[in-house]
Each structure stands twice: as C-alpha cells, then as structure tokens.
Amino acid sequence: MSKKLRPGTRQPQESLRTQAARWWQPAIIGGVLLLVALVLILKYQAASPPAATGSGTQAIATLPEAVEQTQATAVLAQAESQAPATSLPDELPEAQLERLLAAGQPTLAFFHSTNCVQCLKMMQVVEQVYPEFSSQVALVDVNVYDQSNASLLQRARIQAIPTQVFIDSKGQGLVVMGAMDPQQFREQLQALAGGQ
C-alpha cells in the first residue's frame, strides 16, 4: 500500500531520481546527436580542397575582398583570352594543361580559391605581372573549389593554396606554395619565357 503525502511534505528520493533520469535522457541523446554531427563535419572537411597558406587566411571573403576577387578574376579571364591557344571553349583546366604540355608550351598552372586572403593577393600579382608574358607563357587557372577540377588536384597533389606550378617547354616544373611578391613572380615567368 502506498502512502499519500500531505501537502508541504517532502517527496521520496526515488521520485527525484526518476525526474532526474527523465531530464538526463534527452540531454544524452542531444549530446550523441551533436557528436555525430561533429564527426560528419570533420569527415566533410577532410574531403574538402587544400587549406589556404599564410597566417592571414580566412574562410569567407569580406565585401572589399569579394570586390577585389571579382576584379582579379575578370583580369585573369582577360589575360587568358589574350594568350594564344591557352584555352579552348568549354575546356576544363585538366584537359587544357595536358594539351599545353603535349605541345611543349611553357605554362603557369595557378591553383587557388576565390575566398582566401593569400589567394586574393596572388591573384592581384598575376593580374599585375602576367599580361607582360601572356604571349609566351600559357596560364591554366584552377579554382580548387570547382568540383570539375578534383581529378587535376589529386593528380597534381596540391597541398596548400595558392600554389603556382611553373612548367617549362620540356615539361619540367617548379612548384611555389603561397603568395609570391611581384618581383619573384616576374623572375619565374622570365625564366619560363626565356627557356622556349
């Protein structure tokens, strides 16, 4: 027979434990769900493109950087259109690179994203210097976040961005990771252009 409690008396200990158990069960389930979500996020990040280099990197470009990025992308597109036989309509960067290497064309393969600080800096350097060499050195512009470039990224074993690969007419390459200053970049392009 159970005892009835009078108003103002304490409840038995078992009742408090039962109430605590009811509160902890949703908390445990929520914690497990949070852990599963974290594992999925980490798994997705492991499969994502290479990390940006440099100490001043960020995942999302701010508005001024987005404007600079748009301007740099437009100049890159214009420089590519000026270079003879650099790209064909609807040609993926991987096919473009293979065609240029088969032809013995000195080539700059520029691996970058459009939202990291170091990539944006390097895009500005390319915008400033590359037009001087556009008739001698082909440019293959590779956005690492474009899924159609996944195979090329894997083949090139790109570990960080920005990465510039300077390939001479014999197919020998020099890999430079990180943003370069304009003078270093110009010297590398001069070496490529002179080695024709």
N, C-alpha and C. Protein backbone atom coordinates (compact mmCIF):
# COMPACT_ATOMS: atom_id res chain seq x y z
N MET A 1 0.81 -1.16 0.00
CA MET A 1 0.00 0.00 0.00
C MET A 1 0.88 1.25 0.00
N SER A 2 0.58 2.20 -0.86
CA SER A 2 1.40 3.40 -0.93
C SER A 2 0.84 4.47 -0.02
N LYS A 3 1.75 5.24 0.47
CA LYS A 3 1.35 6.32 1.36
C LYS A 3 1.07 7.57 0.54
N LYS A 4 0.06 8.27 0.92
CA LYS A 4 -0.21 9.56 0.30
C LYS A 4 0.51 10.62 1.09
N LEU A 5 1.12 11.54 0.34
CA LEU A 5 1.83 12.64 1.00
C LEU A 5 0.87 13.79 1.25
N ARG A 6 1.06 14.37 2.37
CA ARG A 6 0.28 15.55 2.68
C ARG A 6 0.94 16.76 2.04
N PRO A 7 0.16 17.75 1.70
CA PRO A 7 0.76 18.96 1.14
C PRO A 7 1.81 19.52 2.09
N GLY A 8 2.96 19.94 1.47
CA GLY A 8 4.03 20.53 2.25
C GLY A 8 5.05 19.53 2.74
N THR A 9 4.84 18.24 2.48
CA THR A 9 5.82 17.24 2.90
C THR A 9 6.75 16.94 1.74
N ARG A 10 7.91 16.34 2.03
CA ARG A 10 8.92 16.03 1.00
C ARG A 10 8.53 14.77 0.24
N GLN A 11 8.89 14.78 -1.04
CA GLN A 11 8.65 13.59 -1.84
C GLN A 11 9.74 12.57 -1.55
N PRO A 12 9.47 11.30 -1.73
CA PRO A 12 10.50 10.28 -1.51
C PRO A 12 11.64 10.45 -2.52
N GLN A 13 12.85 9.94 -2.18
CA GLN A 13 14.05 10.05 -3.01
C GLN A 13 13.86 9.41 -4.38
N GLU A 14 13.18 8.31 -4.49
CA GLU A 14 13.01 7.64 -5.77
C GLU A 14 12.32 8.54 -6.78
N SER A 15 11.40 9.31 -6.35
CA SER A 15 10.68 10.20 -7.24
C SER A 15 11.63 11.25 -7.83
N LEU A 16 12.56 11.78 -7.02
CA LEU A 16 13.54 12.75 -7.53
C LEU A 16 14.47 12.11 -8.53
N ARG A 17 14.90 10.89 -8.27
CA ARG A 17 15.77 10.17 -9.21
C ARG A 17 15.05 9.94 -10.53
N THR A 18 13.82 9.59 -10.48
CA THR A 18 13.04 9.36 -11.69
C THR A 18 12.94 10.65 -12.50
N GLN A 19 12.71 11.75 -11.81
CA GLN A 19 12.63 13.04 -12.50
C GLN A 19 13.97 13.40 -13.12
N ALA A 20 15.06 13.16 -12.41
CA ALA A 20 16.40 13.46 -12.94
C ALA A 20 16.69 12.59 -14.16
N ALA A 21 16.29 11.33 -14.11
CA ALA A 21 16.52 10.43 -15.24
C ALA A 21 15.76 10.91 -16.46
N ARG A 22 14.57 11.40 -16.28
CA ARG A 22 13.78 11.93 -17.41
C ARG A 22 14.46 13.16 -18.02
N TRP A 23 15.12 13.95 -17.20
CA TRP A 23 15.82 15.14 -17.70
C TRP A 23 17.12 14.79 -18.40
N TRP A 24 17.85 13.81 -17.88
CA TRP A 24 19.15 13.45 -18.44
C TRP A 24 19.03 12.69 -19.75
N GLN A 25 18.00 11.92 -19.96
CA GLN A 25 17.86 11.15 -21.19
C GLN A 25 17.86 12.03 -22.43
N PRO A 26 17.07 13.10 -22.49
CA PRO A 26 17.14 13.98 -23.67
C PRO A 26 18.51 14.66 -23.81
N ALA A 27 19.15 14.97 -22.69
CA ALA A 27 20.47 15.61 -22.75
C ALA A 27 21.49 14.65 -23.35
N ILE A 28 21.43 13.40 -22.97
CA ILE A 28 22.36 12.39 -23.51
C ILE A 28 22.10 12.19 -25.00
N ILE A 29 20.84 12.09 -25.38
CA ILE A 29 20.51 11.92 -26.80
C ILE A 29 20.98 13.13 -27.60
N GLY A 30 20.78 14.33 -27.06
CA GLY A 30 21.25 15.55 -27.74
C GLY A 30 22.77 15.55 -27.88
N GLY A 31 23.47 15.10 -26.84
CA GLY A 31 24.93 15.03 -26.90
C GLY A 31 25.41 14.06 -27.96
N VAL A 32 24.74 12.91 -28.06
CA VAL A 32 25.10 11.92 -29.09
C VAL A 32 24.87 12.49 -30.47
N LEU A 33 23.74 13.16 -30.67
CA LEU A 33 23.46 13.78 -31.97
C LEU A 33 24.49 14.85 -32.32
N LEU A 34 24.90 15.63 -31.33
CA LEU A 34 25.92 16.64 -31.55
C LEU A 34 27.25 16.00 -31.94
N LEU A 35 27.59 14.92 -31.28
CA LEU A 35 28.83 14.19 -31.60
C LEU A 35 28.79 13.64 -33.02
N VAL A 36 27.66 13.07 -33.43
CA VAL A 36 27.52 12.54 -34.79
C VAL A 36 27.66 13.68 -35.80
N ALA A 37 27.05 14.83 -35.52
CA ALA A 37 27.17 15.97 -36.43
C ALA A 37 28.61 16.44 -36.54
N LEU A 38 29.33 16.47 -35.43
CA LEU A 38 30.73 16.88 -35.43
C LEU A 38 31.58 15.92 -36.26
N VAL A 39 31.34 14.63 -36.12
CA VAL A 39 32.09 13.63 -36.91
C VAL A 39 31.81 13.83 -38.39
N LEU A 40 30.56 14.07 -38.76
CA LEU A 40 30.23 14.29 -40.17
C LEU A 40 30.89 15.56 -40.71
N ILE A 41 30.92 16.60 -39.90
CA ILE A 41 31.57 17.85 -40.32
C ILE A 41 33.06 17.61 -40.54
N LEU A 42 33.71 16.94 -39.60
CA LEU A 42 35.14 16.66 -39.75
C LEU A 42 35.42 15.77 -40.95
N LYS A 43 34.55 14.82 -41.19
CA LYS A 43 34.72 13.94 -42.36
C LYS A 43 34.59 14.75 -43.64
N TYR A 44 33.62 15.67 -43.70
CA TYR A 44 33.45 16.52 -44.87
C TYR A 44 34.66 17.42 -45.08
N GLN A 45 35.20 18.00 -43.99
CA GLN A 45 36.36 18.88 -44.10
C GLN A 45 37.58 18.11 -44.58
N ALA A 46 37.73 16.87 -44.19
CA ALA A 46 38.87 16.07 -44.62
C ALA A 46 38.83 15.85 -46.13
N ALA A 47 37.62 15.81 -46.72
CA ALA A 47 37.48 15.60 -48.15
C ALA A 47 37.46 16.89 -48.94
N SER A 48 37.53 18.04 -48.25
CA SER A 48 37.46 19.31 -48.94
C SER A 48 38.81 19.68 -49.55
N PRO A 49 38.85 20.71 -50.41
CA PRO A 49 40.09 21.12 -51.07
C PRO A 49 41.16 21.57 -50.08
N PRO A 50 42.37 21.77 -50.58
CA PRO A 50 43.50 22.12 -49.73
C PRO A 50 43.28 23.39 -48.92
N ALA A 51 44.00 23.48 -47.84
CA ALA A 51 43.91 24.64 -46.96
C ALA A 51 44.70 25.80 -47.55
N ALA A 52 44.27 26.98 -47.24
CA ALA A 52 44.99 28.17 -47.67
C ALA A 52 46.24 28.34 -46.83
N THR A 53 47.28 28.88 -47.43
CA THR A 53 48.53 29.09 -46.71
C THR A 53 48.59 30.50 -46.18
N GLY A 54 49.52 30.73 -45.28
CA GLY A 54 49.73 32.07 -44.75
C GLY A 54 49.00 32.26 -43.45
N SER A 55 49.47 33.21 -42.68
CA SER A 55 48.87 33.44 -41.37
C SER A 55 47.60 34.27 -41.46
N GLY A 56 47.38 34.98 -42.54
CA GLY A 56 46.22 35.86 -42.64
C GLY A 56 45.10 35.25 -43.44
N THR A 57 44.89 33.94 -43.38
CA THR A 57 43.84 33.32 -44.17
C THR A 57 42.52 33.38 -43.47
N GLN A 58 41.46 33.29 -44.25
CA GLN A 58 40.13 33.21 -43.69
C GLN A 58 39.26 32.42 -44.64
N ALA A 59 38.17 31.88 -44.13
CA ALA A 59 37.33 31.01 -44.93
C ALA A 59 36.42 31.78 -45.87
N ILE A 60 35.95 32.94 -45.48
CA ILE A 60 34.99 33.67 -46.29
C ILE A 60 35.52 35.08 -46.53
N ALA A 61 35.49 35.49 -47.78
CA ALA A 61 35.98 36.82 -48.13
C ALA A 61 34.99 37.87 -47.66
N THR A 62 35.50 38.99 -47.16
CA THR A 62 34.63 40.10 -46.79
C THR A 62 34.27 40.86 -48.04
N LEU A 63 33.38 41.81 -47.93
CA LEU A 63 32.89 42.52 -49.10
C LEU A 63 34.01 43.17 -49.91
N PRO A 64 34.95 43.93 -49.31
CA PRO A 64 36.02 44.52 -50.12
C PRO A 64 36.87 43.45 -50.81
N GLU A 65 37.11 42.32 -50.13
CA GLU A 65 37.89 41.26 -50.75
C GLU A 65 37.12 40.61 -51.89
N ALA A 66 35.81 40.50 -51.74
CA ALA A 66 34.99 39.92 -52.79
C ALA A 66 35.03 40.81 -54.03
N VAL A 67 35.04 42.12 -53.84
CA VAL A 67 35.14 43.04 -54.97
C VAL A 67 36.50 42.89 -55.64
N GLU A 68 37.58 42.83 -54.82
CA GLU A 68 38.92 42.64 -55.38
C GLU A 68 39.00 41.31 -56.12
N GLN A 69 38.39 40.27 -55.55
CA GLN A 69 38.42 38.95 -56.16
C GLN A 69 37.72 38.99 -57.52
N THR A 70 36.58 39.67 -57.61
CA THR A 70 35.86 39.78 -58.86
C THR A 70 36.70 40.50 -59.90
N GLN A 71 37.37 41.57 -59.48
CA GLN A 71 38.22 42.30 -60.41
C GLN A 71 39.40 41.43 -60.86
N ALA A 72 40.01 40.73 -59.92
CA ALA A 72 41.15 39.88 -60.27
C ALA A 72 40.72 38.75 -61.19
N THR A 73 39.56 38.15 -60.94
CA THR A 73 39.06 37.08 -61.80
C THR A 73 38.80 37.60 -63.20
N ALA A 74 38.25 38.79 -63.32
CA ALA A 74 37.98 39.37 -64.63
C ALA A 74 39.28 39.61 -65.39
N VAL A 75 40.30 40.10 -64.70
CA VAL A 75 41.58 40.34 -65.36
C VAL A 75 42.22 39.02 -65.78
N LEU A 76 42.13 38.01 -64.91
CA LEU A 76 42.66 36.70 -65.29
C LEU A 76 41.97 36.17 -66.53
N ALA A 77 40.66 36.30 -66.59
CA ALA A 77 39.91 35.84 -67.75
C ALA A 77 40.34 36.60 -69.00
N GLN A 78 40.56 37.93 -68.85
CA GLN A 78 41.01 38.73 -69.98
C GLN A 78 42.41 38.31 -70.42
N ALA A 79 43.30 38.08 -69.47
CA ALA A 79 44.67 37.66 -69.80
C ALA A 79 44.65 36.30 -70.50
N GLU A 80 43.79 35.40 -70.04
CA GLU A 80 43.71 34.09 -70.69
C GLU A 80 43.22 34.22 -72.12
N SER A 81 42.28 35.14 -72.35
CA SER A 81 41.75 35.29 -73.70
C SER A 81 42.79 35.89 -74.64
N GLN A 82 43.78 36.62 -74.11
CA GLN A 82 44.81 37.22 -74.94
C GLN A 82 45.90 36.23 -75.32
N ALA A 83 46.11 35.21 -74.50
CA ALA A 83 47.19 34.26 -74.76
C ALA A 83 46.80 33.34 -75.90
N PRO A 84 47.69 33.12 -76.85
CA PRO A 84 47.36 32.28 -77.99
C PRO A 84 47.22 30.82 -77.54
N ALA A 85 46.13 30.19 -77.95
CA ALA A 85 45.86 28.77 -77.71
C ALA A 85 45.96 28.38 -76.24
N THR A 86 45.69 29.32 -75.33
CA THR A 86 45.74 28.98 -73.92
C THR A 86 44.60 28.06 -73.54
N SER A 87 43.39 28.40 -73.98
CA SER A 87 42.26 27.52 -73.68
C SER A 87 41.29 27.52 -74.84
N LEU A 88 40.58 26.42 -74.92
CA LEU A 88 39.54 26.27 -75.93
C LEU A 88 38.20 26.46 -75.23
N PRO A 89 37.16 26.80 -75.98
CA PRO A 89 35.84 26.97 -75.34
C PRO A 89 35.43 25.70 -74.60
N ASP A 90 34.92 25.87 -73.38
CA ASP A 90 34.42 24.77 -72.54
C ASP A 90 35.48 23.72 -72.21
N GLU A 91 36.76 24.09 -72.28
CA GLU A 91 37.83 23.15 -71.95
C GLU A 91 38.13 23.22 -70.46
N LEU A 92 38.14 22.07 -69.80
CA LEU A 92 38.47 22.02 -68.37
C LEU A 92 39.96 22.25 -68.19
N PRO A 93 40.36 22.81 -67.05
CA PRO A 93 41.78 23.07 -66.82
C PRO A 93 42.67 21.83 -66.98
N GLU A 94 42.19 20.67 -66.58
CA GLU A 94 43.00 19.45 -66.72
C GLU A 94 43.29 19.15 -68.19
N ALA A 95 42.27 19.22 -69.04
CA ALA A 95 42.46 18.99 -70.47
C ALA A 95 43.34 20.07 -71.07
N GLN A 96 43.14 21.30 -70.63
CA GLN A 96 43.94 22.43 -71.11
C GLN A 96 45.41 22.20 -70.78
N LEU A 97 45.69 21.80 -69.55
CA LEU A 97 47.07 21.58 -69.12
C LEU A 97 47.70 20.44 -69.92
N GLU A 98 46.98 19.35 -70.10
CA GLU A 98 47.51 18.22 -70.89
C GLU A 98 47.84 18.64 -72.32
N ARG A 99 46.95 19.42 -72.94
CA ARG A 99 47.16 19.87 -74.31
C ARG A 99 48.40 20.77 -74.40
N LEU A 100 48.54 21.70 -73.44
CA LEU A 100 49.68 22.61 -73.46
C LEU A 100 51.00 21.87 -73.22
N LEU A 101 50.99 20.92 -72.31
CA LEU A 101 52.21 20.15 -72.05
C LEU A 101 52.59 19.31 -73.26
N ALA A 102 51.60 18.71 -73.93
CA ALA A 102 51.87 17.91 -75.13
C ALA A 102 52.46 18.78 -76.24
N ALA A 103 52.06 20.05 -76.29
CA ALA A 103 52.57 20.97 -77.31
C ALA A 103 53.91 21.59 -76.92
N GLY A 104 54.39 21.34 -75.69
CA GLY A 104 55.66 21.92 -75.25
C GLY A 104 55.56 23.40 -74.94
N GLN A 105 54.38 23.88 -74.61
CA GLN A 105 54.16 25.29 -74.31
C GLN A 105 54.53 25.58 -72.85
N PRO A 106 55.43 26.54 -72.59
CA PRO A 106 55.67 26.95 -71.21
C PRO A 106 54.35 27.38 -70.57
N THR A 107 54.12 26.88 -69.36
CA THR A 107 52.80 27.05 -68.76
C THR A 107 52.91 27.38 -67.27
N LEU A 108 52.02 28.24 -66.83
CA LEU A 108 51.83 28.50 -65.40
C LEU A 108 50.50 27.90 -65.01
N ALA A 109 50.51 26.92 -64.11
CA ALA A 109 49.28 26.38 -63.55
C ALA A 109 49.09 27.06 -62.20
N PHE A 110 48.02 27.81 -62.07
CA PHE A 110 47.76 28.63 -60.90
C PHE A 110 46.58 28.02 -60.12
N PHE A 111 46.88 27.37 -58.99
CA PHE A 111 45.87 26.72 -58.15
C PHE A 111 45.51 27.66 -57.01
N HIS A 112 44.22 27.96 -56.88
CA HIS A 112 43.78 28.94 -55.88
C HIS A 112 42.30 28.74 -55.59
N SER A 113 41.83 29.45 -54.57
CA SER A 113 40.39 29.57 -54.34
C SER A 113 40.05 31.03 -54.58
N THR A 114 38.80 31.35 -54.45
CA THR A 114 38.41 32.75 -54.64
C THR A 114 38.02 33.41 -53.33
N ASN A 115 38.42 32.77 -52.20
CA ASN A 115 38.00 33.35 -50.93
C ASN A 115 39.05 33.29 -49.83
N CYS A 116 40.30 33.06 -50.17
CA CYS A 116 41.33 33.13 -49.13
C CYS A 116 42.20 34.37 -49.37
N VAL A 117 42.66 34.96 -48.31
CA VAL A 117 43.41 36.21 -48.39
C VAL A 117 44.67 36.04 -49.25
N GLN A 118 45.43 35.00 -49.00
CA GLN A 118 46.67 34.79 -49.76
C GLN A 118 46.37 34.56 -51.24
N CYS A 119 45.29 33.84 -51.54
CA CYS A 119 44.91 33.62 -52.94
C CYS A 119 44.56 34.94 -53.62
N LEU A 120 43.82 35.78 -52.92
CA LEU A 120 43.44 37.07 -53.49
C LEU A 120 44.67 37.94 -53.74
N LYS A 121 45.63 37.88 -52.81
CA LYS A 121 46.88 38.64 -53.02
C LYS A 121 47.60 38.12 -54.26
N MET A 122 47.67 36.80 -54.39
CA MET A 122 48.38 36.22 -55.54
C MET A 122 47.62 36.51 -56.83
N MET A 123 46.31 36.53 -56.78
CA MET A 123 45.53 36.87 -57.97
C MET A 123 45.87 38.29 -58.43
N GLN A 124 46.06 39.20 -57.49
CA GLN A 124 46.44 40.57 -57.84
C GLN A 124 47.83 40.61 -58.47
N VAL A 125 48.75 39.80 -57.96
CA VAL A 125 50.10 39.74 -58.54
C VAL A 125 50.02 39.20 -59.96
N VAL A 126 49.24 38.14 -60.16
CA VAL A 126 49.08 37.59 -61.51
C VAL A 126 48.45 38.64 -62.42
N GLU A 127 47.45 39.32 -61.93
CA GLU A 127 46.79 40.38 -62.70
C GLU A 127 47.78 41.46 -63.12
N GLN A 128 48.70 41.81 -62.24
CA GLN A 128 49.66 42.88 -62.48
C GLN A 128 50.78 42.45 -63.42
N VAL A 129 51.30 41.23 -63.26
CA VAL A 129 52.53 40.82 -63.96
C VAL A 129 52.28 39.94 -65.19
N TYR A 130 51.33 39.03 -65.12
CA TYR A 130 51.17 38.04 -66.19
C TYR A 130 50.94 38.64 -67.58
N PRO A 131 50.17 39.72 -67.75
CA PRO A 131 49.94 40.23 -69.10
C PRO A 131 51.23 40.49 -69.91
N GLU A 132 52.33 40.81 -69.24
CA GLU A 132 53.60 41.02 -69.94
C GLU A 132 54.09 39.73 -70.63
N PHE A 133 53.67 38.59 -70.11
CA PHE A 133 54.18 37.30 -70.58
C PHE A 133 53.11 36.45 -71.26
N SER A 134 51.92 37.01 -71.45
CA SER A 134 50.80 36.22 -71.95
C SER A 134 51.03 35.65 -73.34
N SER A 135 51.88 36.26 -74.15
CA SER A 135 52.15 35.72 -75.49
C SER A 135 53.20 34.61 -75.46
N GLN A 136 53.91 34.47 -74.33
CA GLN A 136 54.98 33.46 -74.25
C GLN A 136 54.68 32.32 -73.29
N VAL A 137 53.88 32.60 -72.28
CA VAL A 137 53.59 31.61 -71.25
C VAL A 137 52.07 31.45 -71.13
N ALA A 138 51.61 30.21 -71.24
CA ALA A 138 50.17 29.94 -71.10
C ALA A 138 49.79 29.94 -69.62
N LEU A 139 48.55 30.29 -69.36
CA LEU A 139 48.05 30.32 -67.98
C LEU A 139 46.89 29.34 -67.86
N VAL A 140 47.01 28.41 -66.91
CA VAL A 140 45.92 27.50 -66.59
C VAL A 140 45.44 27.90 -65.20
N ASP A 141 44.24 28.45 -65.15
CA ASP A 141 43.64 28.97 -63.92
C ASP A 141 42.78 27.88 -63.30
N VAL A 142 43.15 27.41 -62.10
CA VAL A 142 42.46 26.27 -61.47
C VAL A 142 41.88 26.69 -60.12
N ASN A 143 40.56 26.79 -60.06
CA ASN A 143 39.86 27.07 -58.82
C ASN A 143 39.70 25.74 -58.07
N VAL A 144 40.31 25.61 -56.90
CA VAL A 144 40.31 24.34 -56.18
C VAL A 144 38.94 23.95 -55.65
N TYR A 145 38.00 24.89 -55.56
CA TYR A 145 36.67 24.57 -55.07
C TYR A 145 35.70 24.18 -56.18
N ASP A 146 36.15 24.22 -57.42
CA ASP A 146 35.32 23.77 -58.54
C ASP A 146 35.46 22.25 -58.62
N GLN A 147 34.35 21.55 -58.43
CA GLN A 147 34.38 20.09 -58.40
C GLN A 147 34.89 19.48 -59.70
N SER A 148 34.77 20.17 -60.81
CA SER A 148 35.26 19.63 -62.08
C SER A 148 36.80 19.57 -62.10
N ASN A 149 37.45 20.21 -61.13
CA ASN A 149 38.92 20.20 -61.07
C ASN A 149 39.46 19.18 -60.06
N ALA A 150 38.59 18.39 -59.45
CA ALA A 150 39.00 17.45 -58.39
C ALA A 150 40.07 16.47 -58.88
N SER A 151 39.91 15.95 -60.08
CA SER A 151 40.88 14.99 -60.62
C SER A 151 42.26 15.63 -60.80
N LEU A 152 42.29 16.85 -61.32
CA LEU A 152 43.55 17.55 -61.50
C LEU A 152 44.22 17.84 -60.16
N LEU A 153 43.46 18.23 -59.16
CA LEU A 153 44.02 18.49 -57.84
C LEU A 153 44.66 17.23 -57.27
N GLN A 154 43.99 16.12 -57.47
CA GLN A 154 44.52 14.85 -56.96
C GLN A 154 45.80 14.48 -57.71
N ARG A 155 45.79 14.60 -59.02
CA ARG A 155 46.98 14.27 -59.82
C ARG A 155 48.16 15.19 -59.48
N ALA A 156 47.88 16.47 -59.28
CA ALA A 156 48.94 17.44 -59.00
C ALA A 156 49.38 17.41 -57.54
N ARG A 157 48.63 16.71 -56.70
CA ARG A 157 48.93 16.59 -55.27
C ARG A 157 49.09 17.96 -54.60
N ILE A 158 48.14 18.81 -54.88
CA ILE A 158 48.15 20.16 -54.30
C ILE A 158 47.84 20.05 -52.81
N GLN A 159 48.74 20.59 -51.98
CA GLN A 159 48.60 20.50 -50.53
C GLN A 159 48.14 21.80 -49.90
N ALA A 160 48.39 22.92 -50.55
CA ALA A 160 48.05 24.23 -49.98
C ALA A 160 47.77 25.20 -51.12
N ILE A 161 47.05 26.25 -50.80
CA ILE A 161 46.78 27.26 -51.82
C ILE A 161 47.14 28.63 -51.26
N PRO A 162 47.55 29.54 -52.10
CA PRO A 162 47.75 29.37 -53.53
C PRO A 162 49.02 28.58 -53.83
N THR A 163 49.00 27.87 -54.94
CA THR A 163 50.18 27.15 -55.42
C THR A 163 50.34 27.49 -56.90
N GLN A 164 51.56 27.84 -57.26
CA GLN A 164 51.88 28.12 -58.65
C GLN A 164 52.83 27.03 -59.13
N VAL A 165 52.54 26.45 -60.30
CA VAL A 165 53.42 25.45 -60.89
C VAL A 165 53.90 26.03 -62.21
N PHE A 166 55.20 26.30 -62.28
CA PHE A 166 55.83 26.86 -63.48
C PHE A 166 56.41 25.68 -64.27
N ILE A 167 55.86 25.42 -65.46
CA ILE A 167 56.27 24.25 -66.26
C ILE A 167 56.94 24.74 -67.53
N ASP A 168 58.19 24.30 -67.74
CA ASP A 168 58.92 24.75 -68.93
C ASP A 168 58.53 23.93 -70.16
N SER A 169 59.14 24.24 -71.31
CA SER A 169 58.79 23.59 -72.57
C SER A 169 59.16 22.10 -72.59
N LYS A 170 60.01 21.67 -71.66
CA LYS A 170 60.39 20.25 -71.58
C LYS A 170 59.50 19.48 -70.61
N GLY A 171 58.57 20.18 -69.99
CA GLY A 171 57.66 19.54 -69.05
C GLY A 171 58.18 19.49 -67.62
N GLN A 172 59.30 20.15 -67.35
CA GLN A 172 59.85 20.20 -66.00
C GLN A 172 59.15 21.32 -65.23
N GLY A 173 58.77 21.02 -63.99
CA GLY A 173 58.02 22.01 -63.23
C GLY A 173 58.71 22.47 -61.96
N LEU A 174 58.40 23.67 -61.57
CA LEU A 174 58.83 24.24 -60.30
C LEU A 174 57.56 24.63 -59.55
N VAL A 175 57.41 24.11 -58.32
CA VAL A 175 56.22 24.37 -57.52
C VAL A 175 56.55 25.43 -56.47
N VAL A 176 55.72 26.46 -56.39
CA VAL A 176 55.86 27.51 -55.38
C VAL A 176 54.53 27.60 -54.63
N MET A 177 54.58 27.32 -53.32
CA MET A 177 53.37 27.41 -52.50
C MET A 177 53.34 28.76 -51.79
N GLY A 178 52.16 29.33 -51.70
CA GLY A 178 51.99 30.62 -51.04
C GLY A 178 52.05 31.75 -52.04
N ALA A 179 51.68 32.91 -51.57
CA ALA A 179 51.68 34.10 -52.43
C ALA A 179 53.13 34.54 -52.68
N MET A 180 53.39 35.00 -53.88
CA MET A 180 54.71 35.50 -54.27
C MET A 180 54.63 37.01 -54.41
N ASP A 181 55.77 37.68 -54.22
CA ASP A 181 55.75 39.11 -54.50
C ASP A 181 55.91 39.31 -56.01
N PRO A 182 55.53 40.46 -56.53
CA PRO A 182 55.57 40.67 -57.98
C PRO A 182 56.94 40.41 -58.61
N GLN A 183 58.01 40.80 -57.93
CA GLN A 183 59.35 40.61 -58.50
C GLN A 183 59.69 39.12 -58.62
N GLN A 184 59.42 38.33 -57.59
CA GLN A 184 59.67 36.88 -57.66
C GLN A 184 58.86 36.25 -58.78
N PHE A 185 57.60 36.65 -58.87
CA PHE A 185 56.72 36.09 -59.90
C PHE A 185 57.23 36.46 -61.29
N ARG A 186 57.62 37.70 -61.47
CA ARG A 186 58.16 38.16 -62.76
C ARG A 186 59.41 37.37 -63.15
N GLU A 187 60.30 37.13 -62.18
CA GLU A 187 61.53 36.39 -62.46
C GLU A 187 61.23 34.96 -62.91
N GLN A 188 60.26 34.32 -62.28
CA GLN A 188 59.89 32.97 -62.67
C GLN A 188 59.29 32.94 -64.08
N LEU A 189 58.45 33.92 -64.39
CA LEU A 189 57.88 33.98 -65.75
C LEU A 189 58.95 34.28 -66.78
N GLN A 190 59.92 35.15 -66.44
CA GLN A 190 61.02 35.44 -67.36
C GLN A 190 61.81 34.18 -67.65
N ALA A 191 62.07 33.39 -66.62
CA ALA A 191 62.81 32.14 -66.82
C ALA A 191 62.04 31.20 -67.74
N LEU A 192 60.72 31.13 -67.57
CA LEU A 192 59.91 30.28 -68.44
C LEU A 192 59.91 30.80 -69.87
N ALA A 193 59.69 32.09 -70.02
CA ALA A 193 59.62 32.69 -71.35
C ALA A 193 60.96 32.59 -72.08
N GLY A 194 62.06 32.71 -71.36
CA GLY A 194 63.39 32.63 -71.96
C GLY A 194 63.80 31.22 -72.32
N GLY A 195 63.16 30.24 -71.71
CA GLY A 195 63.52 28.85 -71.96
C GLY A 195 62.79 28.21 -73.13
N GLN A 196 62.13 29.03 -73.98
CA GLN A 196 61.37 28.49 -75.10
C GLN A 196 62.27 27.96 -76.16
